[in-house]
Amino acid sequence: MKIKYFAWLKDYTSKDFEICSDPNITNVENLKKFLLIKYPKLEKFINEDLLRFAVNYNYVSENISLNAEDEIAIFPPVSGG
């Protein structure tokens, strides 16, 4: 699956996207666990449900099933002024 990062998440991960083939990532909840291990700086944002996840251009809940062909976009909180 392709995981795309937006805004300051690119800085936290040092990348725009990554390809992940971990068979344990079967839903968004498992993806969050993967991200916590790989990017500990995201802990607050993940634990407080501040990140938005879209699968194939649709916002989803944590229990949605993920497939190897999916494109997951992760968005941080948005603030305006």
PDB file of N, CA and C in Angstrom:
ATOM      1  N   MET A   1       0.840  -1.173   0.000  1.00  0.00           N
ATOM      2  CA  MET A   1       0.000   0.000   0.000  1.00  0.00           C
ATOM      3  C   MET A   1       0.885   1.236   0.000  1.00  0.00           C
ATOM      4  N   LYS A   2       0.337   2.284  -0.534  1.00  0.00           N
ATOM      5  CA  LYS A   2       1.063   3.549  -0.578  1.00  0.00           C
ATOM      6  C   LYS A   2       0.485   4.458   0.503  1.00  0.00           C
ATOM      7  N   ILE A   3       1.366   4.965   1.358  1.00  0.00           N
ATOM      8  CA  ILE A   3       0.961   5.868   2.430  1.00  0.00           C
ATOM      9  C   ILE A   3       1.504   7.247   2.094  1.00  0.00           C
ATOM     10  N   LYS A   4       0.600   8.224   1.957  1.00  0.00           N
ATOM     11  CA  LYS A   4       0.984   9.590   1.606  1.00  0.00           C
ATOM     12  C   LYS A   4       0.818  10.492   2.826  1.00  0.00           C
ATOM     13  N   TYR A   5       1.817  11.350   3.045  1.00  0.00           N
ATOM     14  CA  TYR A   5       1.813  12.273   4.174  1.00  0.00           C
ATOM     15  C   TYR A   5       1.642  13.700   3.669  1.00  0.00           C
ATOM     16  N   PHE A   6       0.879  14.492   4.412  1.00  0.00           N
ATOM     17  CA  PHE A   6       0.606  15.864   4.008  1.00  0.00           C
ATOM     18  C   PHE A   6       1.018  16.850   5.094  1.00  0.00           C
ATOM     19  N   ALA A   7       1.273  18.097   4.649  1.00  0.00           N
ATOM     20  CA  ALA A   7       1.630  19.225   5.530  1.00  0.00           C
ATOM     21  C   ALA A   7       2.835  18.864   6.396  1.00  0.00           C
ATOM     22  N   TRP A   8       2.782  19.170   7.691  1.00  0.00           N
ATOM     23  CA  TRP A   8       3.939  18.947   8.559  1.00  0.00           C
ATOM     24  C   TRP A   8       4.225  17.482   8.813  1.00  0.00           C
ATOM     25  N   LEU A   9       3.322  16.591   8.445  1.00  0.00           N
ATOM     26  CA  LEU A   9       3.615  15.156   8.576  1.00  0.00           C
ATOM     27  C   LEU A   9       4.798  14.759   7.695  1.00  0.00           C
ATOM     28  N   LYS A  10       4.976  15.477   6.597  1.00  0.00           N
ATOM     29  CA  LYS A  10       6.143  15.230   5.737  1.00  0.00           C
ATOM     30  C   LYS A  10       7.432  15.486   6.510  1.00  0.00           C
ATOM     31  N   ASP A  11       7.435  16.509   7.353  1.00  0.00           N
ATOM     32  CA  ASP A  11       8.621  16.811   8.157  1.00  0.00           C
ATOM     33  C   ASP A  11       8.852  15.743   9.227  1.00  0.00           C
ATOM     34  N   TYR A  12       7.780  15.303   9.879  1.00  0.00           N
ATOM     35  CA  TYR A  12       7.901  14.291  10.932  1.00  0.00           C
ATOM     36  C   TYR A  12       8.401  12.964  10.377  1.00  0.00           C
ATOM     37  N   THR A  13       7.987  12.625   9.159  1.00  0.00           N
ATOM     38  CA  THR A  13       8.362  11.338   8.570  1.00  0.00           C
ATOM     39  C   THR A  13       9.564  11.443   7.638  1.00  0.00           C
ATOM     40  N   SER A  14       9.929  12.649   7.280  1.00  0.00           N
ATOM     41  CA  SER A  14      11.016  12.919   6.317  1.00  0.00           C
ATOM     42  C   SER A  14      10.723  12.350   4.937  1.00  0.00           C
ATOM     43  N   LYS A  15       9.437  12.281   4.592  1.00  0.00           N
ATOM     44  CA  LYS A  15       9.075  11.792   3.259  1.00  0.00           C
ATOM     45  C   LYS A  15       7.667  12.235   2.883  1.00  0.00           C
ATOM     46  N   ASP A  16       7.417  12.267   1.589  1.00  0.00           N
ATOM     47  CA  ASP A  16       6.085  12.587   1.073  1.00  0.00           C
ATOM     48  C   ASP A  16       5.182  11.363   1.099  1.00  0.00           C
ATOM     49  N   PHE A  17       5.791  10.208   0.857  1.00  0.00           N
ATOM     50  CA  PHE A  17       5.032   8.962   0.848  1.00  0.00           C
ATOM     51  C   PHE A  17       5.990   7.803   1.095  1.00  0.00           C
ATOM     52  N   GLU A  18       5.401   6.661   1.387  1.00  0.00           N
ATOM     53  CA  GLU A  18       6.183   5.434   1.477  1.00  0.00           C
ATOM     54  C   GLU A  18       5.319   4.265   1.028  1.00  0.00           C
ATOM     55  N   ILE A  19       5.983   3.232   0.570  1.00  0.00           N
ATOM     56  CA  ILE A  19       5.305   2.000   0.189  1.00  0.00           C
ATOM     57  C   ILE A  19       5.476   1.027   1.345  1.00  0.00           C
ATOM     58  N   CYS A  20       4.371   0.477   1.808  1.00  0.00           N
ATOM     59  CA  CYS A  20       4.397  -0.428   2.949  1.00  0.00           C
ATOM     60  C   CYS A  20       3.770  -1.759   2.547  1.00  0.00           C
ATOM     61  N   SER A  21       4.467  -2.835   2.850  1.00  0.00           N
ATOM     62  CA  SER A  21       3.937  -4.162   2.521  1.00  0.00           C
ATOM     63  C   SER A  21       3.774  -5.027   3.767  1.00  0.00           C
ATOM     64  N   ASP A  22       3.661  -4.397   4.927  1.00  0.00           N
ATOM     65  CA  ASP A  22       3.491  -5.132   6.180  1.00  0.00           C
ATOM     66  C   ASP A  22       2.134  -5.843   6.177  1.00  0.00           C
ATOM     67  N   PRO A  23       2.115  -7.179   6.244  1.00  0.00           N
ATOM     68  CA  PRO A  23       0.844  -7.914   6.201  1.00  0.00           C
ATOM     69  C   PRO A  23      -0.023  -7.715   7.442  1.00  0.00           C
ATOM     70  N   ASN A  24       0.547  -7.154   8.509  1.00  0.00           N
ATOM     71  CA  ASN A  24      -0.219  -6.913   9.734  1.00  0.00           C
ATOM     72  C   ASN A  24      -1.103  -5.678   9.646  1.00  0.00           C
ATOM     73  N   ILE A  25      -0.899  -4.860   8.635  1.00  0.00           N
ATOM     74  CA  ILE A  25      -1.710  -3.652   8.486  1.00  0.00           C
ATOM     75  C   ILE A  25      -2.953  -4.010   7.674  1.00  0.00           C
ATOM     76  N   THR A  26      -3.988  -4.402   8.388  1.00  0.00           N
ATOM     77  CA  THR A  26      -5.231  -4.836   7.744  1.00  0.00           C
ATOM     78  C   THR A  26      -6.349  -3.812   7.873  1.00  0.00           C
ATOM     79  N   ASN A  27      -6.137  -2.796   8.722  1.00  0.00           N
ATOM     80  CA  ASN A  27      -7.128  -1.733   8.887  1.00  0.00           C
ATOM     81  C   ASN A  27      -6.415  -0.480   9.397  1.00  0.00           C
ATOM     82  N   VAL A  28      -7.141   0.605   9.523  1.00  0.00           N
ATOM     83  CA  VAL A  28      -6.532   1.873   9.942  1.00  0.00           C
ATOM     84  C   VAL A  28      -6.002   1.779  11.371  1.00  0.00           C
ATOM     85  N   GLU A  29      -6.682   1.052  12.221  1.00  0.00           N
ATOM     86  CA  GLU A  29      -6.205   0.887  13.598  1.00  0.00           C
ATOM     87  C   GLU A  29      -4.810   0.250  13.609  1.00  0.00           C
ATOM     88  N   ASN A  30      -4.597  -0.780  12.801  1.00  0.00           N
ATOM     89  CA  ASN A  30      -3.275  -1.410  12.712  1.00  0.00           C
ATOM     90  C   ASN A  30      -2.257  -0.472  12.075  1.00  0.00           C
ATOM     91  N   LEU A  31      -2.699   0.334  11.133  1.00  0.00           N
ATOM     92  CA  LEU A  31      -1.808   1.317  10.520  1.00  0.00           C
ATOM     93  C   LEU A  31      -1.330   2.318  11.568  1.00  0.00           C
ATOM     94  N   LYS A  32      -2.221   2.739  12.454  1.00  0.00           N
ATOM     95  CA  LYS A  32      -1.834   3.662  13.526  1.00  0.00           C
ATOM     96  C   LYS A  32      -0.772   3.034  14.426  1.00  0.00           C
ATOM     97  N   LYS A  33      -0.922   1.754  14.739  1.00  0.00           N
ATOM     98  CA  LYS A  33       0.077   1.058  15.560  1.00  0.00           C
ATOM     99  C   LYS A  33       1.430   1.033  14.852  1.00  0.00           C
ATOM    100  N   PHE A  34       1.408   0.767  13.561  1.00  0.00           N
ATOM    101  CA  PHE A  34       2.622   0.768  12.749  1.00  0.00           C
ATOM    102  C   PHE A  34       3.286   2.145  12.796  1.00  0.00           C
ATOM    103  N   LEU A  35       2.490   3.193  12.635  1.00  0.00           N
ATOM    104  CA  LEU A  35       3.023   4.557  12.643  1.00  0.00           C
ATOM    105  C   LEU A  35       3.612   4.928  14.002  1.00  0.00           C
ATOM    106  N   LEU A  36       2.974   4.480  15.079  1.00  0.00           N
ATOM    107  CA  LEU A  36       3.493   4.765  16.424  1.00  0.00           C
ATOM    108  C   LEU A  36       4.876   4.166  16.632  1.00  0.00           C
ATOM    109  N   ILE A  37       5.075   2.971  16.110  1.00  0.00           N
ATOM    110  CA  ILE A  37       6.378   2.314  16.246  1.00  0.00           C
ATOM    111  C   ILE A  37       7.420   2.997  15.369  1.00  0.00           C
ATOM    112  N   LYS A  38       7.047   3.291  14.149  1.00  0.00           N
ATOM    113  CA  LYS A  38       8.000   3.857  13.197  1.00  0.00           C
ATOM    114  C   LYS A  38       8.279   5.344  13.442  1.00  0.00           C
ATOM    115  N   TYR A  39       7.252   6.085  13.874  1.00  0.00           N
ATOM    116  CA  TYR A  39       7.374   7.532  14.079  1.00  0.00           C
ATOM    117  C   TYR A  39       6.854   7.910  15.470  1.00  0.00           C
ATOM    118  N   PRO A  40       7.636   7.676  16.516  1.00  0.00           N
ATOM    119  CA  PRO A  40       7.174   7.955  17.884  1.00  0.00           C
ATOM    120  C   PRO A  40       6.730   9.401  18.111  1.00  0.00           C
ATOM    121  N   LYS A  41       7.249  10.347  17.322  1.00  0.00           N
ATOM    122  CA  LYS A  41       6.852  11.753  17.478  1.00  0.00           C
ATOM    123  C   LYS A  41       5.363  11.966  17.202  1.00  0.00           C
ATOM    124  N   LEU A  42       4.733  11.027  16.531  1.00  0.00           N
ATOM    125  CA  LEU A  42       3.312  11.167  16.197  1.00  0.00           C
ATOM    126  C   LEU A  42       2.386  10.676  17.306  1.00  0.00           C
ATOM    127  N   GLU A  43       2.949  10.204  18.414  1.00  0.00           N
ATOM    128  CA  GLU A  43       2.147   9.578  19.465  1.00  0.00           C
ATOM    129  C   GLU A  43       0.963  10.438  19.915  1.00  0.00           C
ATOM    130  N   LYS A  44       1.209  11.684  20.244  1.00  0.00           N
ATOM    131  CA  LYS A  44       0.129  12.560  20.726  1.00  0.00           C
ATOM    132  C   LYS A  44      -0.989  12.667  19.691  1.00  0.00           C
ATOM    133  N   PHE A  45      -0.618  12.843  18.444  1.00  0.00           N
ATOM    134  CA  PHE A  45      -1.609  13.049  17.390  1.00  0.00           C
ATOM    135  C   PHE A  45      -2.411  11.781  17.106  1.00  0.00           C
ATOM    136  N   ILE A  46      -1.758  10.637  17.218  1.00  0.00           N
ATOM    137  CA  ILE A  46      -2.457   9.370  16.996  1.00  0.00           C
ATOM    138  C   ILE A  46      -3.338   9.038  18.192  1.00  0.00           C
ATOM    139  N   ASN A  47      -2.788   9.145  19.395  1.00  0.00           N
ATOM    140  CA  ASN A  47      -3.547   8.791  20.596  1.00  0.00           C
ATOM    141  C   ASN A  47      -4.747   9.699  20.829  1.00  0.00           C
ATOM    142  N   GLU A  48      -4.663  10.936  20.385  1.00  0.00           N
ATOM    143  CA  GLU A  48      -5.779  11.869  20.564  1.00  0.00           C
ATOM    144  C   GLU A  48      -6.668  11.947  19.322  1.00  0.00           C
ATOM    145  N   ASP A  49      -6.479  11.020  18.384  1.00  0.00           N
ATOM    146  CA  ASP A  49      -7.284  10.959  17.150  1.00  0.00           C
ATOM    147  C   ASP A  49      -7.322  12.289  16.410  1.00  0.00           C
ATOM    148  N   LEU A  50      -6.173  12.909  16.266  1.00  0.00           N
ATOM    149  CA  LEU A  50      -6.103  14.201  15.592  1.00  0.00           C
ATOM    150  C   LEU A  50      -5.790  14.084  14.103  1.00  0.00           C
ATOM    151  N   LEU A  51      -5.404  12.898  13.654  1.00  0.00           N
ATOM    152  CA  LEU A  51      -5.081  12.704  12.242  1.00  0.00           C
ATOM    153  C   LEU A  51      -6.299  12.178  11.500  1.00  0.00           C
ATOM    154  N   ARG A  52      -6.426  12.589  10.249  1.00  0.00           N
ATOM    155  CA  ARG A  52      -7.515  12.098   9.388  1.00  0.00           C
ATOM    156  C   ARG A  52      -6.922  11.144   8.365  1.00  0.00           C
ATOM    157  N   PHE A  53      -7.633  10.076   8.107  1.00  0.00           N
ATOM    158  CA  PHE A  53      -7.175   9.057   7.167  1.00  0.00           C
ATOM    159  C   PHE A  53      -8.167   8.942   6.020  1.00  0.00           C
ATOM    160  N   ALA A  54      -7.625   8.922   4.815  1.00  0.00           N
ATOM    161  CA  ALA A  54      -8.444   8.706   3.620  1.00  0.00           C
ATOM    162  C   ALA A  54      -7.869   7.500   2.885  1.00  0.00           C
ATOM    163  N   VAL A  55      -8.748   6.630   2.444  1.00  0.00           N
ATOM    164  CA  VAL A  55      -8.340   5.461   1.667  1.00  0.00           C
ATOM    165  C   VAL A  55      -8.958   5.604   0.289  1.00  0.00           C
ATOM    166  N   ASN A  56      -8.089   5.634  -0.702  1.00  0.00           N
ATOM    167  CA  ASN A  56      -8.543   5.791  -2.089  1.00  0.00           C
ATOM    168  C   ASN A  56      -9.473   6.999  -2.237  1.00  0.00           C
ATOM    169  N   TYR A  57      -9.060   8.109  -1.626  1.00  0.00           N
ATOM    170  CA  TYR A  57      -9.722   9.422  -1.731  1.00  0.00           C
ATOM    171  C   TYR A  57     -11.021   9.546  -0.942  1.00  0.00           C
ATOM    172  N   ASN A  58     -11.277   8.627  -0.009  1.00  0.00           N
ATOM    173  CA  ASN A  58     -12.465   8.703   0.833  1.00  0.00           C
ATOM    174  C   ASN A  58     -12.049   8.646   2.296  1.00  0.00           C
ATOM    175  N   TYR A  59     -12.544   9.590   3.105  1.00  0.00           N
ATOM    176  CA  TYR A  59     -12.258   9.547   4.531  1.00  0.00           C
ATOM    177  C   TYR A  59     -12.894   8.299   5.121  1.00  0.00           C
ATOM    178  N   VAL A  60     -12.166   7.669   6.064  1.00  0.00           N
ATOM    179  CA  VAL A  60     -12.615   6.377   6.590  1.00  0.00           C
ATOM    180  C   VAL A  60     -12.510   6.333   8.109  1.00  0.00           C
ATOM    181  N   SER A  61     -13.143   5.305   8.688  1.00  0.00           N
ATOM    182  CA  SER A  61     -13.040   5.040  10.120  1.00  0.00           C
ATOM    183  C   SER A  61     -11.918   4.027  10.354  1.00  0.00           C
ATOM    184  N   GLU A  62     -11.632   3.765  11.627  1.00  0.00           N
ATOM    185  CA  GLU A  62     -10.517   2.883  11.971  1.00  0.00           C
ATOM    186  C   GLU A  62     -10.726   1.435  11.560  1.00  0.00           C
ATOM    187  N   ASN A  63     -11.961   0.984  11.475  1.00  0.00           N
ATOM    188  CA  ASN A  63     -12.194  -0.436  11.231  1.00  0.00           C
ATOM    189  C   ASN A  63     -12.309  -0.805   9.753  1.00  0.00           C
ATOM    190  N   ILE A  64     -12.104   0.143   8.863  1.00  0.00           N
ATOM    191  CA  ILE A  64     -12.175  -0.154   7.432  1.00  0.00           C
ATOM    192  C   ILE A  64     -11.016  -1.085   7.056  1.00  0.00           C
ATOM    193  N   SER A  65     -11.300  -2.087   6.254  1.00  0.00           N
ATOM    194  CA  SER A  65     -10.259  -3.019   5.815  1.00  0.00           C
ATOM    195  C   SER A  65      -9.351  -2.357   4.790  1.00  0.00           C
ATOM    196  N   LEU A  66      -8.069  -2.679   4.873  1.00  0.00           N
ATOM    197  CA  LEU A  66      -7.084  -2.153   3.931  1.00  0.00           C
ATOM    198  C   LEU A  66      -6.533  -3.290   3.082  1.00  0.00           C
ATOM    199  N   ASN A  67      -6.212  -2.963   1.833  1.00  0.00           N
ATOM    200  CA  ASN A  67      -5.640  -3.923   0.898  1.00  0.00           C
ATOM    201  C   ASN A  67      -4.294  -3.417   0.408  1.00  0.00           C
ATOM    202  N   ALA A  68      -3.504  -4.321  -0.125  1.00  0.00           N
ATOM    203  CA  ALA A  68      -2.159  -3.982  -0.603  1.00  0.00           C
ATOM    204  C   ALA A  68      -2.181  -2.914  -1.688  1.00  0.00           C
ATOM    205  N   GLU A  69      -3.263  -2.830  -2.459  1.00  0.00           N
ATOM    206  CA  GLU A  69      -3.350  -1.874  -3.571  1.00  0.00           C
ATOM    207  C   GLU A  69      -3.847  -0.498  -3.143  1.00  0.00           C
ATOM    208  N   ASP A  70      -4.244  -0.350  -1.892  1.00  0.00           N
ATOM    209  CA  ASP A  70      -4.839   0.905  -1.428  1.00  0.00           C
ATOM    210  C   ASP A  70      -3.817   2.036  -1.345  1.00  0.00           C
ATOM    211  N   GLU A  71      -4.344   3.250  -1.519  1.00  0.00           N
ATOM    212  CA  GLU A  71      -3.564   4.460  -1.296  1.00  0.00           C
ATOM    213  C   GLU A  71      -4.160   5.150  -0.081  1.00  0.00           C
ATOM    214  N   ILE A  72      -3.344   5.304   0.951  1.00  0.00           N
ATOM    215  CA  ILE A  72      -3.797   5.919   2.190  1.00  0.00           C
ATOM    216  C   ILE A  72      -3.177   7.299   2.304  1.00  0.00           C
ATOM    217  N   ALA A  73      -4.011   8.291   2.518  1.00  0.00           N
ATOM    218  CA  ALA A  73      -3.546   9.661   2.728  1.00  0.00           C
ATOM    219  C   ALA A  73      -3.783  10.005   4.192  1.00  0.00           C
ATOM    220  N   ILE A  74      -2.772  10.607   4.812  1.00  0.00           N
ATOM    221  CA  ILE A  74      -2.877  10.977   6.221  1.00  0.00           C
ATOM    222  C   ILE A  74      -2.730  12.490   6.333  1.00  0.00           C
ATOM    223  N   PHE A  75      -3.747  13.102   6.948  1.00  0.00           N
ATOM    224  CA  PHE A  75      -3.796  14.556   7.068  1.00  0.00           C
ATOM    225  C   PHE A  75      -3.713  14.968   8.534  1.00  0.00           C
ATOM    226  N   PRO A  76      -2.900  15.966   8.842  1.00  0.00           N
ATOM    227  CA  PRO A  76      -2.843  16.486  10.209  1.00  0.00           C
ATOM    228  C   PRO A  76      -4.019  17.431  10.455  1.00  0.00           C
ATOM    229  N   PRO A  77      -4.185  17.858  11.706  1.00  0.00           N
ATOM    230  CA  PRO A  77      -5.224  18.852  11.984  1.00  0.00           C
ATOM    231  C   PRO A  77      -4.971  20.123  11.175  1.00  0.00           C
ATOM    232  N   VAL A  78      -6.038  20.749  10.768  1.00  0.00           N
ATOM    233  CA  VAL A  78      -5.933  21.972   9.977  1.00  0.00           C
ATOM    234  C   VAL A  78      -6.386  23.138  10.843  1.00  0.00           C
ATOM    235  N   SER A  79      -5.604  24.198  10.822  1.00  0.00           N
ATOM    236  CA  SER A  79      -6.019  25.406  11.534  1.00  0.00           C
ATOM    237  C   SER A  79      -5.912  26.571  10.571  1.00  0.00           C
ATOM    238  N   GLY A  80      -6.730  27.527  10.799  1.00  0.00           N
ATOM    239  CA  GLY A  80      -6.735  28.683   9.905  1.00  0.00           C
ATOM    240  C   GLY A  80      -6.611  29.968  10.687  1.00  0.00           C
ATOM    241  N   GLY A  81      -6.522  31.020   9.963  1.00  0.00           N
ATOM    242  CA  GLY A  81      -6.403  32.289  10.654  1.00  0.00           C
ATOM    243  C   GLY A  81      -6.951  33.401   9.824  1.00  0.00           C
TER     244      GLY A  81
END
